[in-house]
């Protein structure tokens, strides 16, 4: 997948706002061996590319005839609308390993008949050649019971991937549902007698 970008000649909030109004997304290409290049990407092409390669997939960007192999290192979205405001693209060379964030998803929750599934970690930090990076990690919880937990160490990591996240951290656990205790009913003896309005207490 290859996108064509144009170098940004204007920067700042006003320039970015004008670019987005024209269907362009402000971006920056940078890397260990690449000087930072501010660019503009076609919004529809970028969204189509990310749907095809995934959130951390690799693709190419052409800037004035120079091609960069990149992946999305960081993406900022609009607060109230499903729109991309800015993306940081990390450029790399063939075989070079970089730090990447890989999402972690839980599968099989519907098989658990009793207990509450709690996911504590939603991503792993790894060092890997981007072309070899997994798109995601899946943790199966279908056979877990109350009191069970799975840790980072339980996730299978390929030999060419260096795990940077602490292996002892809990990824997902199953706990017993909390039962709310009903308040004890108050006996009639403890109920205060209603006062009759207008009654003369000294009439007796």
C-alpha atoms as a PDB file:
ATOM      1  CA  UNK A   1       0.000   0.000   0.000  1.00  0.00           C
ATOM      2  CA  UNK A   2       1.416   3.383  -0.993  1.00  0.00           C
ATOM      3  CA  UNK A   3       0.254   6.905  -0.230  1.00  0.00           C
ATOM      4  CA  UNK A   4       1.346  10.143  -1.837  1.00  0.00           C
ATOM      5  CA  UNK A   5       2.041  13.048   0.498  1.00  0.00           C
ATOM      6  CA  UNK A   6       2.952  16.681  -0.057  1.00  0.00           C
ATOM      7  CA  UNK A   7       5.356  18.641   2.122  1.00  0.00           C
ATOM      8  CA  UNK A   8       3.724  21.162   4.416  1.00  0.00           C
ATOM      9  CA  UNK A   9       4.688  24.720   3.610  1.00  0.00           C
ATOM     10  CA  UNK A  10       2.654  26.165   6.483  1.00  0.00           C
ATOM     11  CA  UNK A  11       2.405  24.995  10.080  1.00  0.00           C
ATOM     12  CA  UNK A  12       0.368  26.046  13.086  1.00  0.00           C
ATOM     13  CA  UNK A  13      -3.236  25.691  14.219  1.00  0.00           C
ATOM     14  CA  UNK A  14      -4.776  27.873  11.501  1.00  0.00           C
ATOM     15  CA  UNK A  15      -2.882  26.107   8.712  1.00  0.00           C
ATOM     16  CA  UNK A  16      -3.853  22.684  10.076  1.00  0.00           C
ATOM     17  CA  UNK A  17      -7.501  23.738  10.288  1.00  0.00           C
ATOM     18  CA  UNK A  18      -7.466  24.890   6.650  1.00  0.00           C
ATOM     19  CA  UNK A  19      -5.804  21.639   5.565  1.00  0.00           C
ATOM     20  CA  UNK A  20      -8.420  19.495   7.298  1.00  0.00           C
ATOM     21  CA  UNK A  21     -11.185  21.562   5.696  1.00  0.00           C
ATOM     22  CA  UNK A  22      -9.652  20.609   2.331  1.00  0.00           C
ATOM     23  CA  UNK A  23      -9.610  16.901   3.195  1.00  0.00           C
ATOM     24  CA  UNK A  24      -5.931  16.790   4.169  1.00  0.00           C
ATOM     25  CA  UNK A  25      -4.458  15.375   7.371  1.00  0.00           C
ATOM     26  CA  UNK A  26      -1.349  17.010   8.882  1.00  0.00           C
ATOM     27  CA  UNK A  27       1.353  14.427   9.572  1.00  0.00           C
ATOM     28  CA  UNK A  28       5.016  14.132  10.439  1.00  0.00           C
ATOM     29  CA  UNK A  29       7.435  11.505   9.141  1.00  0.00           C
ATOM     30  CA  UNK A  30      10.442  10.847  11.359  1.00  0.00           C
ATOM     31  CA  UNK A  31      12.812   8.067  12.352  1.00  0.00           C
ATOM     32  CA  UNK A  32      16.250   7.106  13.618  1.00  0.00           C
ATOM     33  CA  UNK A  33      17.816   7.778  10.234  1.00  0.00           C
ATOM     34  CA  UNK A  34      15.242  10.239   8.906  1.00  0.00           C
ATOM     35  CA  UNK A  35      15.041  13.958   9.480  1.00  0.00           C
ATOM     36  CA  UNK A  36      11.511  14.971  10.439  1.00  0.00           C
ATOM     37  CA  UNK A  37       9.383  15.827   7.398  1.00  0.00           C
ATOM     38  CA  UNK A  38       6.045  17.663   7.940  1.00  0.00           C
ATOM     39  CA  UNK A  39       3.554  16.485   5.303  1.00  0.00           C
ATOM     40  CA  UNK A  40      -0.104  16.472   4.321  1.00  0.00           C
ATOM     41  CA  UNK A  41      -1.955  13.228   3.572  1.00  0.00           C
ATOM     42  CA  UNK A  42      -5.239  12.711   1.762  1.00  0.00           C
ATOM     43  CA  UNK A  43      -7.772  11.940   4.497  1.00  0.00           C
ATOM     44  CA  UNK A  44      -9.765   9.326   2.561  1.00  0.00           C
ATOM     45  CA  UNK A  45      -6.623   7.563   1.313  1.00  0.00           C
ATOM     46  CA  UNK A  46      -5.190   7.434   4.823  1.00  0.00           C
ATOM     47  CA  UNK A  47      -8.387   6.032   6.326  1.00  0.00           C
ATOM     48  CA  UNK A  48      -8.614   3.427   3.554  1.00  0.00           C
ATOM     49  CA  UNK A  49      -4.997   2.422   4.113  1.00  0.00           C
ATOM     50  CA  UNK A  50      -5.412   2.028   7.874  1.00  0.00           C
ATOM     51  CA  UNK A  51      -8.527  -0.106   7.362  1.00  0.00           C
ATOM     52  CA  UNK A  52      -6.511  -2.357   5.051  1.00  0.00           C
ATOM     53  CA  UNK A  53      -3.232  -2.703   6.981  1.00  0.00           C
ATOM     54  CA  UNK A  54      -4.537  -2.257  10.530  1.00  0.00           C
ATOM     55  CA  UNK A  55      -3.707   0.281  13.210  1.00  0.00           C
ATOM     56  CA  UNK A  56      -0.025  -0.707  13.365  1.00  0.00           C
ATOM     57  CA  UNK A  57       0.398  -2.042   9.837  1.00  0.00           C
ATOM     58  CA  UNK A  58       3.240  -1.050   7.528  1.00  0.00           C
ATOM     59  CA  UNK A  59       2.739   1.010   4.370  1.00  0.00           C
ATOM     60  CA  UNK A  60       4.704   3.315   2.075  1.00  0.00           C
ATOM     61  CA  UNK A  61       4.514   7.085   1.705  1.00  0.00           C
ATOM     62  CA  UNK A  62       5.912   8.929  -1.308  1.00  0.00           C
ATOM     63  CA  UNK A  63       7.065  12.522  -0.695  1.00  0.00           C
ATOM     64  CA  UNK A  64       8.379  14.346  -3.774  1.00  0.00           C
ATOM     65  CA  UNK A  65       9.693  11.118  -5.269  1.00  0.00           C
ATOM     66  CA  UNK A  66      11.259   9.796  -2.048  1.00  0.00           C
ATOM     67  CA  UNK A  67       9.576   6.732  -0.556  1.00  0.00           C
ATOM     68  CA  UNK A  68       9.423   5.970   3.159  1.00  0.00           C
ATOM     69  CA  UNK A  69       8.396   2.698   4.820  1.00  0.00           C
ATOM     70  CA  UNK A  70       6.303   3.773   7.818  1.00  0.00           C
ATOM     71  CA  UNK A  71       3.720   2.798  10.395  1.00  0.00           C
ATOM     72  CA  UNK A  72       1.508   4.955  12.600  1.00  0.00           C
ATOM     73  CA  UNK A  73       3.372   5.689  15.828  1.00  0.00           C
ATOM     74  CA  UNK A  74       0.750   8.064  17.191  1.00  0.00           C
ATOM     75  CA  UNK A  75      -2.651   9.268  16.029  1.00  0.00           C
ATOM     76  CA  UNK A  76      -4.760  12.115  17.410  1.00  0.00           C
ATOM     77  CA  UNK A  77      -8.495  12.088  16.819  1.00  0.00           C
ATOM     78  CA  UNK A  78     -11.080  14.826  17.180  1.00  0.00           C
ATOM     79  CA  UNK A  79     -12.730  14.930  20.586  1.00  0.00           C
ATOM     80  CA  UNK A  80     -16.360  14.809  19.427  1.00  0.00           C
ATOM     81  CA  UNK A  81     -16.112  13.524  15.855  1.00  0.00           C
ATOM     82  CA  UNK A  82     -14.615  10.339  14.341  1.00  0.00           C
ATOM     83  CA  UNK A  83     -11.984  12.364  12.506  1.00  0.00           C
ATOM     84  CA  UNK A  84      -8.194  12.107  12.455  1.00  0.00           C
ATOM     85  CA  UNK A  85      -6.507  15.377  13.432  1.00  0.00           C
ATOM     86  CA  UNK A  86      -2.847  14.436  13.116  1.00  0.00           C
ATOM     87  CA  UNK A  87      -0.628  11.373  12.697  1.00  0.00           C
ATOM     88  CA  UNK A  88       3.012  10.671  13.503  1.00  0.00           C
ATOM     89  CA  UNK A  89       4.569   8.219  11.050  1.00  0.00           C
ATOM     90  CA  UNK A  90       7.718   6.390  12.147  1.00  0.00           C
ATOM     91  CA  UNK A  91      10.019   5.626   9.209  1.00  0.00           C
ATOM     92  CA  UNK A  92      12.353   2.630   9.335  1.00  0.00           C
ATOM     93  CA  UNK A  93      14.840   0.786   7.157  1.00  0.00           C
ATOM     94  CA  UNK A  94      14.684  -2.895   6.210  1.00  0.00           C
ATOM     95  CA  UNK A  95      15.569  -5.139   9.132  1.00  0.00           C
ATOM     96  CA  UNK A  96      15.627  -2.291  11.642  1.00  0.00           C
ATOM     97  CA  UNK A  97      13.808  -3.027  14.898  1.00  0.00           C
ATOM     98  CA  UNK A  98      11.723  -0.363  16.614  1.00  0.00           C
ATOM     99  CA  UNK A  99       9.466  -0.130  19.653  1.00  0.00           C
ATOM    100  CA  UNK A 100       5.839  -0.770  18.780  1.00  0.00           C
ATOM    101  CA  UNK A 101       2.565  -1.015  20.688  1.00  0.00           C
ATOM    102  CA  UNK A 102       0.506  -4.115  19.880  1.00  0.00           C
ATOM    103  CA  UNK A 103      -3.170  -4.256  20.978  1.00  0.00           C
ATOM    104  CA  UNK A 104      -4.368  -7.114  23.209  1.00  0.00           C
ATOM    105  CA  UNK A 105      -7.909  -8.448  22.839  1.00  0.00           C
ATOM    106  CA  UNK A 106      -9.879 -10.904  24.984  1.00  0.00           C
ATOM    107  CA  UNK A 107     -11.802 -13.754  23.361  1.00  0.00           C
ATOM    108  CA  UNK A 108     -14.284 -16.281  24.775  1.00  0.00           C
ATOM    109  CA  UNK A 109     -16.020 -14.123  27.395  1.00  0.00           C
ATOM    110  CA  UNK A 110     -19.388 -15.543  26.329  1.00  0.00           C
ATOM    111  CA  UNK A 111     -18.272 -19.025  27.504  1.00  0.00           C
ATOM    112  CA  UNK A 112     -17.925 -17.899  31.115  1.00  0.00           C
ATOM    113  CA  UNK A 113     -21.225 -18.623  32.866  1.00  0.00           C
ATOM    114  CA  UNK A 114     -20.274 -17.230  36.262  1.00  0.00           C
ATOM    115  CA  UNK A 115     -17.868 -14.464  37.164  1.00  0.00           C
ATOM    116  CA  UNK A 116     -16.825 -11.046  35.929  1.00  0.00           C
ATOM    117  CA  UNK A 117     -14.034 -10.726  33.342  1.00  0.00           C
ATOM    118  CA  UNK A 118     -11.725  -7.766  33.913  1.00  0.00           C
ATOM    119  CA  UNK A 119      -9.036  -6.816  31.390  1.00  0.00           C
ATOM    120  CA  UNK A 120      -6.170  -4.905  32.974  1.00  0.00           C
ATOM    121  CA  UNK A 121      -3.847  -4.527  29.973  1.00  0.00           C
ATOM    122  CA  UNK A 122      -5.013  -3.595  26.476  1.00  0.00           C
ATOM    123  CA  UNK A 123      -1.625  -3.439  24.727  1.00  0.00           C
ATOM    124  CA  UNK A 124       1.936  -4.762  24.837  1.00  0.00           C
ATOM    125  CA  UNK A 125       5.120  -2.841  24.153  1.00  0.00           C
ATOM    126  CA  UNK A 126       7.541  -4.795  21.957  1.00  0.00           C
ATOM    127  CA  UNK A 127      10.722  -4.282  19.973  1.00  0.00           C
ATOM    128  CA  UNK A 128      10.419  -5.776  16.508  1.00  0.00           C
ATOM    129  CA  UNK A 129      11.023  -5.219  12.821  1.00  0.00           C
ATOM    130  CA  UNK A 130       7.740  -3.543  11.760  1.00  0.00           C
ATOM    131  CA  UNK A 131       7.277  -5.869   8.803  1.00  0.00           C
ATOM    132  CA  UNK A 132       7.231  -8.813  11.251  1.00  0.00           C
ATOM    133  CA  UNK A 133       5.048  -7.198  13.900  1.00  0.00           C
ATOM    134  CA  UNK A 134       1.803  -9.002  14.776  1.00  0.00           C
ATOM    135  CA  UNK A 135      -1.364  -7.001  14.236  1.00  0.00           C
ATOM    136  CA  UNK A 136      -2.741  -8.080  17.633  1.00  0.00           C
ATOM    137  CA  UNK A 137      -2.525 -10.558  20.491  1.00  0.00           C
ATOM    138  CA  UNK A 138      -5.569 -12.619  21.495  1.00  0.00           C
ATOM    139  CA  UNK A 139      -6.077 -13.975  25.026  1.00  0.00           C
ATOM    140  CA  UNK A 140      -8.586 -16.856  25.293  1.00  0.00           C
ATOM    141  CA  UNK A 141     -10.578 -16.764  28.536  1.00  0.00           C
ATOM    142  CA  UNK A 142     -13.221 -19.365  27.640  1.00  0.00           C
ATOM    143  CA  UNK A 143     -11.956 -21.955  30.174  1.00  0.00           C
ATOM    144  CA  UNK A 144     -11.191 -19.540  33.004  1.00  0.00           C
ATOM    145  CA  UNK A 145     -13.079 -19.702  36.294  1.00  0.00           C
ATOM    146  CA  UNK A 146     -13.561 -17.388  39.259  1.00  0.00           C
ATOM    147  CA  UNK A 147     -10.175 -16.676  40.801  1.00  0.00           C
ATOM    148  CA  UNK A 148      -8.222 -17.389  37.601  1.00  0.00           C
ATOM    149  CA  UNK A 149      -5.901 -14.847  35.991  1.00  0.00           C
ATOM    150  CA  UNK A 150      -3.673 -14.685  32.937  1.00  0.00           C
ATOM    151  CA  UNK A 151      -0.481 -12.672  32.892  1.00  0.00           C
ATOM    152  CA  UNK A 152       1.715 -11.181  30.193  1.00  0.00           C
ATOM    153  CA  UNK A 153       3.933 -14.275  30.516  1.00  0.00           C
ATOM    154  CA  UNK A 154       1.005 -16.420  29.303  1.00  0.00           C
ATOM    155  CA  UNK A 155       0.930 -14.696  25.903  1.00  0.00           C
ATOM    156  CA  UNK A 156       2.913 -16.509  23.211  1.00  0.00           C
ATOM    157  CA  UNK A 157       5.541 -14.171  21.747  1.00  0.00           C
ATOM    158  CA  UNK A 158       7.447 -15.025  18.561  1.00  0.00           C
ATOM    159  CA  UNK A 159      11.211 -15.512  18.776  1.00  0.00           C
ATOM    160  CA  UNK A 160      11.918 -12.436  16.645  1.00  0.00           C
ATOM    161  CA  UNK A 161       9.871 -10.197  18.965  1.00  0.00           C
ATOM    162  CA  UNK A 162      11.403  -8.723  22.120  1.00  0.00           C
ATOM    163  CA  UNK A 163       8.803  -8.171  24.818  1.00  0.00           C
ATOM    164  CA  UNK A 164       9.274  -4.915  26.753  1.00  0.00           C
ATOM    165  CA  UNK A 165       6.182  -5.105  28.985  1.00  0.00           C
ATOM    166  CA  UNK A 166       6.629  -6.603  32.470  1.00  0.00           C
ATOM    167  CA  UNK A 167       5.773 -10.327  32.192  1.00  0.00           C
ATOM    168  CA  UNK A 168       4.310 -10.448  35.721  1.00  0.00           C
ATOM    169  CA  UNK A 169       1.543  -7.957  34.982  1.00  0.00           C
ATOM    170  CA  UNK A 170      -2.007  -9.329  34.935  1.00  0.00           C
ATOM    171  CA  UNK A 171      -3.718  -9.140  31.554  1.00  0.00           C
ATOM    172  CA  UNK A 172      -7.147 -10.502  32.455  1.00  0.00           C
ATOM    173  CA  UNK A 173      -8.821 -11.997  35.535  1.00  0.00           C
ATOM    174  CA  UNK A 174     -12.165 -13.493  36.545  1.00  0.00           C
ATOM    175  CA  UNK A 175     -13.686 -12.411  39.829  1.00  0.00           C
ATOM    176  CA  UNK A 176     -16.862 -13.336  41.688  1.00  0.00           C
ATOM    177  CA  UNK A 177     -19.807 -10.989  41.154  1.00  0.00           C
ATOM    178  CA  UNK A 178     -20.510  -8.703  44.073  1.00  0.00           C
ATOM    179  CA  UNK A 179     -23.796  -9.437  45.823  1.00  0.00           C
ATOM    180  CA  UNK A 180     -25.482  -6.410  47.240  1.00  0.00           C
ATOM    181  CA  UNK A 181     -26.902  -7.058  50.689  1.00  0.00           C
ATOM    182  CA  UNK A 182     -30.499  -5.952  51.131  1.00  0.00           C
ATOM    183  CA  UNK A 183     -31.079  -3.707  54.138  1.00  0.00           C
ATOM    184  CA  UNK A 184     -32.706  -5.494  57.068  1.00  0.00           C
ATOM    185  CA  UNK A 185     -36.391  -4.579  57.468  1.00  0.00           C
ATOM    186  CA  UNK A 186     -37.186  -2.375  60.427  1.00  0.00           C
ATOM    187  CA  UNK A 187     -39.599  -3.961  62.925  1.00  0.00           C
ATOM    188  CA  UNK A 188     -42.853  -2.266  63.726  1.00  0.00           C
ATOM    189  CA  UNK A 189     -41.642  -1.687  67.296  1.00  0.00           C
ATOM    190  CA  UNK A 190     -38.799   0.445  65.981  1.00  0.00           C
ATOM    191  CA  UNK A 191     -41.037   2.549  63.794  1.00  0.00           C
ATOM    192  CA  UNK A 192     -41.863   5.906  65.358  1.00  0.00           C
ATOM    193  CA  UNK A 193     -45.563   6.485  65.907  1.00  0.00           C
ATOM    194  CA  UNK A 194     -47.010   9.038  63.515  1.00  0.00           C
ATOM    195  CA  UNK A 195     -47.913  12.335  65.083  1.00  0.00           C
ATOM    196  CA  UNK A 196     -51.465  13.480  64.463  1.00  0.00           C
ATOM    197  CA  UNK A 197     -51.398  17.069  63.435  1.00  0.00           C
ATOM    198  CA  UNK A 198     -53.772  19.209  65.422  1.00  0.00           C
ATOM    199  CA  UNK A 199     -54.022  16.771  68.330  1.00  0.00           C
ATOM    200  CA  UNK A 200     -53.940  18.447  71.721  1.00  0.00           C
ATOM    201  CA  UNK A 201     -51.401  16.524  73.786  1.00  0.00           C
ATOM    202  CA  UNK A 202     -52.719  18.073  77.019  1.00  0.00           C
ATOM    203  CA  UNK A 203     -56.357  17.099  76.407  1.00  0.00           C
ATOM    204  CA  UNK A 204     -56.009  13.837  78.327  1.00  0.00           C
END
